Amino acid sequence: MLENAKLKFTFLKLGMAGEFTERAEKLGLFNLGDLMSVNLAKLKAHRDFNYTWYAEMLAMLKNHGLLNEFQKRTLEV
């Protein structure tokens, strides 16, 4: 389970490049909390979404030990 403070981490604080962060902001994602509560279907339907960014996002979550938590929050009903 994520601590509330960690949910406020920006993508830059998590070590992501400016390009990743810019696309995340276009997608309406400004911090880890936004990402962890995203509606995946709506995210993938957004005009600024692409799978290269998504792959980077998954790698970032994996590197920070958050991939399983993301999957639980976004894939399970």
C-alpha atoms as a PDB file:
ATOM      1  CA  MET A   1       0.000   0.000   0.000  1.00  0.00           C
ATOM      2  CA  LEU A   2       1.283   3.448  -0.887  1.00  0.00           C
ATOM      3  CA  GLU A   3       1.693   6.152   1.713  1.00  0.00           C
ATOM      4  CA  ASN A   4      -0.267   9.339   0.999  1.00  0.00           C
ATOM      5  CA  ALA A   5       2.931  11.411   0.856  1.00  0.00           C
ATOM      6  CA  LYS A   6       4.363   9.219  -1.907  1.00  0.00           C
ATOM      7  CA  LEU A   7       1.196   9.667  -3.976  1.00  0.00           C
ATOM      8  CA  LYS A   8       2.061  13.374  -4.261  1.00  0.00           C
ATOM      9  CA  PHE A   9       5.456  12.665  -5.860  1.00  0.00           C
ATOM     10  CA  THR A  10       5.819  14.282  -9.263  1.00  0.00           C
ATOM     11  CA  PHE A  11       7.204  12.308 -12.180  1.00  0.00           C
ATOM     12  CA  LEU A  12      10.348  14.452 -12.150  1.00  0.00           C
ATOM     13  CA  LYS A  13      10.899  13.495  -8.499  1.00  0.00           C
ATOM     14  CA  LEU A  14      10.576   9.862  -9.586  1.00  0.00           C
ATOM     15  CA  GLY A  15      13.390  10.428 -12.097  1.00  0.00           C
ATOM     16  CA  MET A  16      11.393  10.715 -15.305  1.00  0.00           C
ATOM     17  CA  ALA A  17      12.545  12.915 -18.184  1.00  0.00           C
ATOM     18  CA  GLY A  18      10.825  16.153 -19.104  1.00  0.00           C
ATOM     19  CA  GLU A  19       9.320  14.639 -22.249  1.00  0.00           C
ATOM     20  CA  PHE A  20       7.596  11.927 -20.207  1.00  0.00           C
ATOM     21  CA  THR A  21       6.310  14.523 -17.750  1.00  0.00           C
ATOM     22  CA  GLU A  22       5.020  16.799 -20.520  1.00  0.00           C
ATOM     23  CA  ARG A  23       3.008  13.986 -22.078  1.00  0.00           C
ATOM     24  CA  ALA A  24       1.713  12.923 -18.656  1.00  0.00           C
ATOM     25  CA  GLU A  25       0.463  16.470 -18.078  1.00  0.00           C
ATOM     26  CA  LYS A  26      -1.270  16.465 -21.472  1.00  0.00           C
ATOM     27  CA  LEU A  27      -2.957  13.261 -20.313  1.00  0.00           C
ATOM     28  CA  GLY A  28      -4.062  14.984 -17.092  1.00  0.00           C
ATOM     29  CA  LEU A  29      -1.548  13.181 -14.863  1.00  0.00           C
ATOM     30  CA  PHE A  30       0.491  15.426 -12.571  1.00  0.00           C
ATOM     31  CA  ASN A  31       1.711  13.079  -9.852  1.00  0.00           C
ATOM     32  CA  LEU A  32       1.872   9.469  -8.774  1.00  0.00           C
ATOM     33  CA  GLY A  33      -1.564   9.673  -7.166  1.00  0.00           C
ATOM     34  CA  ASP A  34      -3.136  10.712 -10.466  1.00  0.00           C
ATOM     35  CA  LEU A  35      -1.481   7.792 -12.195  1.00  0.00           C
ATOM     36  CA  MET A  36      -2.426   5.242  -9.562  1.00  0.00           C
ATOM     37  CA  SER A  37      -6.108   6.195  -9.782  1.00  0.00           C
ATOM     38  CA  VAL A  38      -6.377   6.651 -13.549  1.00  0.00           C
ATOM     39  CA  ASN A  39      -9.165   5.093 -15.580  1.00  0.00           C
ATOM     40  CA  LEU A  40      -7.057   3.019 -17.958  1.00  0.00           C
ATOM     41  CA  ALA A  41      -9.677   2.866 -20.722  1.00  0.00           C
ATOM     42  CA  LYS A  42     -10.040   6.662 -20.738  1.00  0.00           C
ATOM     43  CA  LEU A  43      -6.276   7.113 -20.621  1.00  0.00           C
ATOM     44  CA  LYS A  44      -5.755   4.869 -23.651  1.00  0.00           C
ATOM     45  CA  ALA A  45      -8.535   6.683 -25.538  1.00  0.00           C
ATOM     46  CA  HIS A  46      -6.943  10.118 -24.957  1.00  0.00           C
ATOM     47  CA  ARG A  47      -5.608  11.690 -28.149  1.00  0.00           C
ATOM     48  CA  ASP A  48      -2.167  12.273 -26.577  1.00  0.00           C
ATOM     49  CA  PHE A  49      -1.738   8.684 -25.400  1.00  0.00           C
ATOM     50  CA  ASN A  50       0.840   6.450 -27.052  1.00  0.00           C
ATOM     51  CA  TYR A  51       2.271   3.067 -26.195  1.00  0.00           C
ATOM     52  CA  THR A  52       5.864   4.295 -26.079  1.00  0.00           C
ATOM     53  CA  TRP A  53       4.919   6.596 -23.197  1.00  0.00           C
ATOM     54  CA  TYR A  54       2.887   3.775 -21.611  1.00  0.00           C
ATOM     55  CA  ALA A  55       5.871   1.416 -21.762  1.00  0.00           C
ATOM     56  CA  GLU A  56       8.044   4.067 -20.057  1.00  0.00           C
ATOM     57  CA  MET A  57       5.372   4.515 -17.414  1.00  0.00           C
ATOM     58  CA  LEU A  58       5.207   0.768 -16.723  1.00  0.00           C
ATOM     59  CA  ALA A  59       9.016   0.583 -16.504  1.00  0.00           C
ATOM     60  CA  MET A  60       9.056   3.504 -14.055  1.00  0.00           C
ATOM     61  CA  LEU A  61       6.439   1.814 -11.871  1.00  0.00           C
ATOM     62  CA  LYS A  62       8.379  -1.460 -11.969  1.00  0.00           C
ATOM     63  CA  ASN A  63      11.641   0.287 -11.029  1.00  0.00           C
ATOM     64  CA  HIS A  64       9.931   1.829  -7.995  1.00  0.00           C
ATOM     65  CA  GLY A  65       8.217  -1.407  -6.967  1.00  0.00           C
ATOM     66  CA  LEU A  66       4.773  -0.013  -7.799  1.00  0.00           C
ATOM     67  CA  LEU A  67       3.737  -2.062 -10.825  1.00  0.00           C
ATOM     68  CA  ASN A  68       1.728  -4.637  -8.868  1.00  0.00           C
ATOM     69  CA  GLU A  69      -0.094  -1.893  -6.967  1.00  0.00           C
ATOM     70  CA  PHE A  70      -0.896  -0.117 -10.250  1.00  0.00           C
ATOM     71  CA  GLN A  71      -2.241  -3.340 -11.724  1.00  0.00           C
ATOM     72  CA  LYS A  72      -4.420  -3.982  -8.668  1.00  0.00           C
ATOM     73  CA  ARG A  73      -5.830  -0.468  -8.783  1.00  0.00           C
ATOM     74  CA  THR A  74      -6.441  -0.220 -12.526  1.00  0.00           C
ATOM     75  CA  LEU A  75      -7.091  -3.743 -13.764  1.00  0.00           C
ATOM     76  CA  GLU A  76      -9.148  -5.348 -11.024  1.00  0.00           C
ATOM     77  CA  VAL A  77     -12.804  -4.502 -10.757  1.00  0.00           C
END
